[in-house]
């Protein structure tokens, strides 16, 4: 038994493929993910819009202070909420800060004065970052205005601190107002599982049932493979989105819209797997490669960490992964945000991946593997 164990270990360690899977891939993935997160430990410059209805010296001072906060960046000064709504729903801003018309008057009178923040809580990290920035702003407001005001009135110690709490920020957490933890992560994780299933299926699709295709052209072969597995892939989609989403009380939005979005996503994923298959030409290793791609895709998809926070090269990688566009548009459907669905961006993946796959699949035919 010990001899067999020794031989198994020795033989395995002599295999380049085994060593690649054992050492190189885990090391590369760890370095890759570590590089992303270490270089951007916290989100910075999350875009927000400001609607200054007060137009006073105090409101300008508040805006100047917000510009010093690293977590947020005022990208737009708006003159009405309709413009803010368009910016918000288009994803150009993550939040809207409203300074009400009578803000400075109430400040000067020592009355309760409130800023209002509308923030996108589709994602936990940006939502918490903006909320944290507003807490810092609130503390600055209390210290800058209310504390001094009540000190002048003769209040001191605990009384001053208690009275200073009149300066508050009113929060409106859009799309996930109850801040449910499962709503932040579970939908994306379930879609990532579906993506991994598609990756594995696409990796082995070209290597199965070759006896069915003797004498057919490579175009017929590829077309039948793609359509067959596209139809089959609807099964895990129905299980995950049609059954598990309602079971876990997750928002689903319009099911027909989601299905129409899933079709180009599934096609793009299958073509990506087939393209890699004809390059690698080894089913087990191809499967490992696609699982690796699937795992990295979710990390860089922007679902848990804003894409804008990634280093430049990682941003490019995120944009060429079908999962990024799929999740970005899926959020619009789940939460019924009213934003236009860009399914055409997913359809662009299809011709881009189809042409090289058709050219490369000739290798399988030339080697008479069919």
Protein backbone atom coordinates (compact mmCIF):
# COMPACT_ATOMS: atom_id res chain seq x y z
CA UNK A 1 0.00 0.00 0.00
CA UNK A 2 2.79 2.42 0.88
CA UNK A 3 4.54 1.61 -2.40
CA UNK A 4 1.34 2.40 -4.32
CA UNK A 5 0.97 5.67 -2.45
CA UNK A 6 4.56 6.58 -3.20
CA UNK A 7 4.21 5.71 -6.88
CA UNK A 8 0.95 7.64 -7.16
CA UNK A 9 2.50 10.74 -5.63
CA UNK A 10 5.66 10.43 -7.71
CA UNK A 11 3.76 9.90 -10.96
CA UNK A 12 1.35 12.75 -10.25
CA UNK A 13 4.14 15.19 -9.49
CA UNK A 14 5.80 14.31 -12.79
CA UNK A 15 2.69 15.39 -14.70
CA UNK A 16 2.91 18.96 -15.98
CA UNK A 17 -0.89 19.26 -16.07
CA UNK A 18 -1.17 18.09 -12.46
CA UNK A 19 1.50 20.53 -11.30
CA UNK A 20 -0.22 23.31 -13.23
CA UNK A 21 -3.51 22.63 -11.46
CA UNK A 22 -1.85 22.01 -8.10
CA UNK A 23 0.57 24.94 -7.93
CA UNK A 24 0.44 27.41 -10.78
CA UNK A 25 -3.31 28.05 -11.09
CA UNK A 26 -3.95 28.54 -7.33
CA UNK A 27 -0.92 30.83 -7.13
CA UNK A 28 -1.98 32.90 -10.14
CA UNK A 29 -5.59 33.22 -8.94
CA UNK A 30 -4.45 34.22 -5.45
CA UNK A 31 -2.03 36.83 -6.82
CA UNK A 32 -4.70 38.08 -9.22
CA UNK A 33 -7.39 38.54 -6.56
CA UNK A 34 -4.89 39.86 -4.02
CA UNK A 35 -3.68 42.46 -6.51
CA UNK A 36 -7.25 43.68 -7.04
CA UNK A 37 -8.19 43.97 -3.39
CA UNK A 38 -4.88 45.13 -1.93
CA UNK A 39 -4.47 47.94 -4.44
CA UNK A 40 -8.00 49.20 -3.72
CA UNK A 41 -8.70 48.44 -0.08
CA UNK A 42 -11.71 50.73 0.00
CA UNK A 43 -13.86 52.39 -2.68
CA UNK A 44 -12.95 55.94 -3.53
CA UNK A 45 -14.55 58.66 -5.61
CA UNK A 46 -17.96 57.04 -5.89
CA UNK A 47 -19.89 59.48 -8.13
CA UNK A 48 -22.75 61.43 -6.58
CA UNK A 49 -24.91 64.38 -7.62
CA UNK A 50 -25.80 67.39 -5.45
CA UNK A 51 -29.03 69.37 -5.65
CA UNK A 52 -28.41 72.62 -3.75
CA UNK A 53 -31.81 74.22 -3.25
CA UNK A 54 -30.48 76.54 -0.55
CA UNK A 55 -27.76 78.27 -2.55
CA UNK A 56 -26.29 79.82 0.59
CA UNK A 57 -22.81 80.30 1.98
CA UNK A 58 -23.43 77.39 4.35
CA UNK A 59 -24.55 75.05 1.56
CA UNK A 60 -21.46 75.94 -0.49
CA UNK A 61 -19.31 75.21 2.57
CA UNK A 62 -21.01 71.81 2.88
CA UNK A 63 -20.35 71.03 -0.78
CA UNK A 64 -16.69 72.05 -0.42
CA UNK A 65 -16.36 69.74 2.57
CA UNK A 66 -17.93 66.82 0.66
CA UNK A 67 -15.36 67.38 -2.07
CA UNK A 68 -12.62 66.59 0.46
CA UNK A 69 -14.06 63.16 1.29
CA UNK A 70 -12.15 60.32 -0.43
CA UNK A 71 -15.14 57.96 -0.57
CA UNK A 72 -17.33 60.17 -2.74
CA UNK A 73 -16.88 62.58 -5.63
CA UNK A 74 -19.41 65.21 -6.70
CA UNK A 75 -19.64 64.61 -10.44
CA UNK A 76 -22.83 66.55 -11.13
CA UNK A 77 -24.51 69.70 -9.81
CA UNK A 78 -28.16 69.40 -10.74
CA UNK A 79 -30.99 71.93 -10.82
CA UNK A 80 -33.86 69.47 -10.40
CA UNK A 81 -34.66 65.95 -9.25
CA UNK A 82 -35.75 64.82 -12.71
CA UNK A 83 -32.19 65.27 -13.95
CA UNK A 84 -30.93 63.51 -10.83
CA UNK A 85 -33.27 60.58 -11.44
CA UNK A 86 -31.95 60.14 -14.98
CA UNK A 87 -28.34 60.21 -13.77
CA UNK A 88 -29.16 57.79 -10.97
CA UNK A 89 -31.01 55.25 -13.11
CA UNK A 90 -28.37 55.41 -15.84
CA UNK A 91 -25.73 54.42 -13.27
CA UNK A 92 -23.74 57.63 -13.72
CA UNK A 93 -24.15 58.46 -10.03
CA UNK A 94 -24.54 56.23 -6.97
CA UNK A 95 -26.33 58.79 -4.86
CA UNK A 96 -28.03 62.18 -4.80
CA UNK A 97 -27.56 64.65 -1.93
CA UNK A 98 -30.31 67.25 -1.56
CA UNK A 99 -29.69 70.42 0.47
CA UNK A 100 -33.18 71.81 1.18
CA UNK A 101 -34.15 75.41 0.58
CA UNK A 102 -34.42 76.46 4.22
CA UNK A 103 -31.33 74.61 5.43
CA UNK A 104 -29.14 77.62 6.27
CA UNK A 105 -32.01 79.47 7.96
CA UNK A 106 -32.66 76.54 10.30
CA UNK A 107 -28.94 76.18 10.99
CA UNK A 108 -28.72 79.82 12.03
CA UNK A 109 -31.77 79.44 14.26
CA UNK A 110 -30.47 76.26 15.90
CA UNK A 111 -33.43 74.27 14.59
CA UNK A 112 -33.42 70.77 13.18
CA UNK A 113 -31.94 70.86 9.68
CA UNK A 114 -31.69 67.82 7.47
CA UNK A 115 -29.87 66.89 4.34
CA UNK A 116 -31.40 64.12 2.25
CA UNK A 117 -29.39 61.37 0.56
CA UNK A 118 -30.85 59.01 -2.01
CA UNK A 119 -28.37 56.16 -2.47
CA UNK A 120 -28.11 53.02 -4.55
CA UNK A 121 -28.21 49.97 -2.29
CA UNK A 122 -28.13 47.44 -5.10
CA UNK A 123 -24.59 46.80 -3.91
CA UNK A 124 -23.45 46.60 -0.32
CA UNK A 125 -19.99 48.14 -0.65
CA UNK A 126 -20.87 51.36 -2.54
CA UNK A 127 -24.00 51.79 -0.42
CA UNK A 128 -22.10 51.50 2.85
CA UNK A 129 -19.29 53.74 1.58
CA UNK A 130 -21.68 56.57 0.72
CA UNK A 131 -23.59 56.05 3.99
CA UNK A 132 -20.31 56.22 5.93
CA UNK A 133 -19.40 59.44 4.15
CA UNK A 134 -22.76 60.90 5.14
CA UNK A 135 -22.14 59.94 8.78
CA UNK A 136 -18.81 61.80 8.64
CA UNK A 137 -20.59 64.77 7.06
CA UNK A 138 -23.23 64.66 9.77
CA UNK A 139 -20.59 64.73 12.50
CA UNK A 140 -18.87 67.65 10.81
CA UNK A 141 -22.18 69.55 10.59
CA UNK A 142 -22.88 69.03 14.27
CA UNK A 143 -19.43 70.16 15.32
CA UNK A 144 -19.19 73.00 12.82
CA UNK A 145 -22.59 74.61 13.41
CA UNK A 146 -24.79 73.20 16.15
CA UNK A 147 -22.17 72.74 18.87
CA UNK A 148 -20.98 76.33 18.58
CA UNK A 149 -24.55 77.60 18.42
CA UNK A 150 -25.58 76.01 21.71
CA UNK A 151 -22.33 76.92 23.42
CA UNK A 152 -23.12 80.55 22.66
CA UNK A 153 -26.51 79.99 24.30
CA UNK A 154 -24.81 78.84 27.50
CA UNK A 155 -25.14 75.06 27.10
CA UNK A 156 -22.11 72.95 28.01
CA UNK A 157 -20.91 69.36 28.43
CA UNK A 158 -23.48 66.64 27.76
CA UNK A 159 -26.20 69.18 27.01
CA UNK A 160 -24.20 70.61 24.14
CA UNK A 161 -23.59 67.16 22.65
CA UNK A 162 -27.24 66.17 23.00
CA UNK A 163 -28.60 69.37 21.50
CA UNK A 164 -26.04 69.20 18.67
CA UNK A 165 -27.63 66.01 17.41
CA UNK A 166 -30.28 68.11 15.70
CA UNK A 167 -28.14 68.07 12.56
CA UNK A 168 -29.19 64.87 10.81
CA UNK A 169 -29.02 63.21 7.42
CA UNK A 170 -32.18 61.60 6.12
CA UNK A 171 -31.39 58.36 4.27
CA UNK A 172 -33.35 56.82 1.41
CA UNK A 173 -31.92 53.39 0.61
CA UNK A 174 -33.23 52.63 -2.85
CA UNK A 175 -33.81 49.15 -4.32
CA UNK A 176 -33.02 47.39 -1.03
CA UNK A 177 -34.56 49.63 1.66
CA UNK A 178 -34.51 46.98 4.38
CA UNK A 179 -30.80 46.27 3.76
CA UNK A 180 -31.46 42.54 3.58
CA UNK A 181 -28.14 40.72 3.53
CA UNK A 182 -29.34 37.93 1.23
CA UNK A 183 -30.49 40.48 -1.34
CA UNK A 184 -26.97 41.89 -1.59
CA UNK A 185 -25.14 38.65 -2.32
CA UNK A 186 -27.40 35.69 -2.97
CA UNK A 187 -28.78 36.69 -6.41
CA UNK A 188 -25.28 37.22 -7.80
CA UNK A 189 -23.98 34.01 -6.23
CA UNK A 190 -26.82 31.99 -7.74
CA UNK A 191 -26.13 33.51 -11.15
CA UNK A 192 -22.43 32.74 -10.68
CA UNK A 193 -23.33 29.10 -10.02
CA UNK A 194 -25.38 29.09 -13.22
CA UNK A 195 -22.42 30.61 -15.06
CA UNK A 196 -20.09 27.89 -13.72
CA UNK A 197 -22.54 25.23 -14.92
CA UNK A 198 -22.51 26.78 -18.39
CA UNK A 199 -18.71 26.97 -18.32
CA UNK A 200 -18.40 23.26 -17.53
CA UNK A 201 -21.01 22.27 -20.11
CA UNK A 202 -19.36 24.40 -22.79
CA UNK A 203 -15.93 22.95 -21.98
CA UNK A 204 -16.99 19.36 -22.62
CA UNK A 205 -19.57 19.98 -25.37
CA UNK A 206 -17.14 19.50 -28.27
CA UNK A 207 -15.77 16.22 -26.91
CA UNK A 208 -19.03 14.29 -26.51
CA UNK A 209 -21.14 12.18 -28.86
CA UNK A 210 -18.81 12.43 -31.85
CA UNK A 211 -20.29 9.26 -33.32
CA UNK A 212 -23.42 11.25 -34.16
CA UNK A 213 -21.60 13.59 -36.51
CA UNK A 214 -19.74 11.38 -38.98
CA UNK A 215 -19.85 12.84 -42.47
CA UNK A 216 -21.25 16.26 -41.49
CA UNK A 217 -19.61 19.62 -42.09
CA UNK A 218 -17.97 21.55 -39.28
CA UNK A 219 -20.65 24.23 -39.65
CA UNK A 220 -23.44 21.72 -39.08
CA UNK A 221 -21.50 20.19 -36.21
CA UNK A 222 -20.99 23.56 -34.49
CA UNK A 223 -24.55 24.75 -35.11
CA UNK A 224 -26.11 21.58 -33.69
CA UNK A 225 -23.80 21.65 -30.67
CA UNK A 226 -24.61 25.29 -29.87
CA UNK A 227 -28.38 25.01 -30.30
CA UNK A 228 -28.61 21.68 -28.45
CA UNK A 229 -26.72 22.91 -25.41
CA UNK A 230 -28.51 26.26 -25.47
CA UNK A 231 -31.80 24.38 -25.13
CA UNK A 232 -30.36 22.14 -22.40
CA UNK A 233 -29.03 25.16 -20.49
CA UNK A 234 -32.58 26.45 -20.02
CA UNK A 235 -33.06 23.65 -17.45
CA UNK A 236 -30.56 24.99 -14.84
CA UNK A 237 -31.83 28.50 -15.60
CA UNK A 238 -35.40 27.50 -14.75
CA UNK A 239 -34.22 25.71 -11.61
CA UNK A 240 -32.10 28.59 -10.30
CA UNK A 241 -34.08 31.61 -11.46
CA UNK A 242 -37.54 30.12 -11.73
CA UNK A 243 -37.52 28.04 -8.52
CA UNK A 244 -34.69 29.08 -6.17
CA UNK A 245 -35.17 32.85 -6.49
CA UNK A 246 -38.83 32.70 -5.35
CA UNK A 247 -37.97 30.05 -2.75
CA UNK A 248 -35.37 32.34 -1.17
CA UNK A 249 -37.79 35.31 -1.45
CA UNK A 250 -35.51 37.14 -3.89
CA UNK A 251 -36.83 39.76 -6.27
CA UNK A 252 -37.12 38.39 -9.80
CA UNK A 253 -38.63 41.16 -11.90
CA UNK A 254 -40.07 40.34 -15.32
CA UNK A 255 -39.35 36.69 -16.14
CA UNK A 256 -39.68 37.08 -19.99
CA UNK A 257 -37.15 39.93 -19.90
CA UNK A 258 -34.75 37.81 -17.91
CA UNK A 259 -35.11 34.87 -20.29
CA UNK A 260 -34.42 37.10 -23.31
CA UNK A 261 -31.29 38.38 -21.56
CA UNK A 262 -30.19 34.86 -20.66
CA UNK A 263 -30.19 33.63 -24.29
CA UNK A 264 -27.29 35.81 -25.57
CA UNK A 265 -25.48 35.30 -22.25
CA UNK A 266 -25.73 31.52 -22.60
CA UNK A 267 -24.63 31.66 -26.25
CA UNK A 268 -21.64 33.85 -25.43
CA UNK A 269 -20.58 31.53 -22.59
CA UNK A 270 -20.87 28.40 -24.74
CA UNK A 271 -18.88 29.95 -27.55
CA UNK A 272 -16.20 31.05 -25.09
CA UNK A 273 -15.95 27.49 -23.76
CA UNK A 274 -15.88 25.98 -27.25
CA UNK A 275 -13.20 28.40 -28.36
CA UNK A 276 -11.01 27.40 -25.43
CA UNK A 277 -11.81 23.72 -26.09
CA UNK A 278 -10.49 23.80 -29.64
CA UNK A 279 -7.31 25.49 -28.41
CA UNK A 280 -6.64 23.18 -25.45
CA UNK A 281 -8.10 19.99 -27.05
CA UNK A 282 -8.19 18.10 -23.76
CA UNK A 283 -11.59 17.80 -22.01
CA UNK A 284 -10.42 17.60 -18.38
CA UNK A 285 -7.97 20.45 -18.64
CA UNK A 286 -10.48 22.54 -20.61
CA UNK A 287 -12.99 22.00 -17.81
CA UNK A 288 -10.46 23.17 -15.24
CA UNK A 289 -9.66 26.26 -17.31
CA UNK A 290 -13.35 27.16 -17.66
CA UNK A 291 -13.99 26.69 -13.93
CA UNK A 292 -11.06 29.00 -13.24
CA UNK A 293 -12.44 31.58 -15.68
CA UNK A 294 -15.88 31.23 -14.08
CA UNK A 295 -14.52 31.87 -10.58
CA UNK A 296 -12.48 34.90 -11.64
CA UNK A 297 -15.39 36.25 -13.69
CA UNK A 298 -17.57 36.63 -10.62
CA UNK A 299 -14.81 38.39 -8.67
CA UNK A 300 -14.30 41.00 -11.41
CA UNK A 301 -17.96 41.25 -12.51
CA UNK A 302 -18.58 44.28 -10.30
CA UNK A 303 -21.29 42.56 -8.28
CA UNK A 304 -19.39 42.65 -4.99
CA UNK A 305 -16.71 45.24 -5.78
CA UNK A 306 -17.24 48.23 -8.11
CA UNK A 307 -15.55 47.73 -11.49
CA UNK A 308 -14.35 51.35 -11.41
CA UNK A 309 -12.26 50.52 -8.36
CA UNK A 310 -10.21 47.88 -10.22
CA UNK A 311 -6.79 48.55 -11.76
CA UNK A 312 -6.94 49.46 -15.46
CA UNK A 313 -6.10 46.03 -16.85
CA UNK A 314 -8.71 44.35 -14.63
CA UNK A 315 -11.37 46.77 -15.90
CA UNK A 316 -10.65 45.61 -19.44
CA UNK A 317 -10.89 41.95 -18.38
CA UNK A 318 -14.21 42.64 -16.65
CA UNK A 319 -15.68 44.19 -19.79
CA UNK A 320 -14.80 41.20 -22.00
CA UNK A 321 -16.40 38.69 -19.62
CA UNK A 322 -20.09 37.96 -20.47
CA UNK A 323 -21.01 37.67 -16.78
CA UNK A 324 -20.29 41.37 -16.14
CA UNK A 325 -22.87 42.60 -18.66
CA UNK A 326 -25.30 39.87 -17.66
CA UNK A 327 -25.28 40.77 -13.95
CA UNK A 328 -25.34 44.50 -14.64
CA UNK A 329 -28.50 44.17 -16.73
CA UNK A 330 -30.01 41.51 -14.46
CA UNK A 331 -30.00 43.98 -11.56
CA UNK A 332 -32.14 46.35 -13.63
CA UNK A 333 -34.67 43.55 -14.16
CA UNK A 334 -34.66 42.20 -10.59
CA UNK A 335 -35.24 45.59 -9.00
CA UNK A 336 -37.42 46.96 -11.83
CA UNK A 337 -35.38 50.16 -11.95
CA UNK A 338 -36.84 51.27 -15.27
CA UNK A 339 -33.39 51.58 -16.85
CA UNK A 340 -33.03 50.41 -20.44
CA UNK A 341 -31.74 46.82 -20.77
CA UNK A 342 -28.67 46.60 -23.02
CA UNK A 343 -29.04 43.02 -24.26
CA UNK A 344 -27.35 44.08 -27.51
CA UNK A 345 -24.02 44.26 -25.65
CA UNK A 346 -24.31 40.56 -24.83
CA UNK A 347 -25.23 39.77 -28.43
CA UNK A 348 -21.95 41.42 -29.52
CA UNK A 349 -20.06 38.59 -27.82
CA UNK A 350 -21.69 36.04 -30.14
CA UNK A 351 -20.15 37.05 -33.53
CA UNK A 352 -16.86 38.02 -31.85
CA UNK A 353 -16.47 34.49 -30.43
CA UNK A 354 -18.23 32.60 -33.24
CA UNK A 355 -15.81 33.53 -36.04
CA UNK A 356 -12.59 32.34 -34.35
CA UNK A 357 -14.39 29.23 -33.09
CA UNK A 358 -15.43 28.32 -36.66
CA UNK A 359 -11.86 28.85 -37.85
CA UNK A 360 -10.28 26.93 -34.99
CA UNK A 361 -12.73 24.01 -35.06
CA UNK A 362 -11.23 23.01 -38.40
CA UNK A 363 -8.39 21.50 -36.39
CA UNK A 364 -10.67 18.85 -34.96
CA UNK A 365 -11.87 17.89 -38.43
CA UNK A 366 -8.39 17.91 -39.95
CA UNK A 367 -7.16 15.58 -37.22
CA UNK A 368 -10.04 13.23 -38.08
CA UNK A 369 -11.34 13.23 -34.58
CA UNK A 370 -14.86 12.98 -36.03
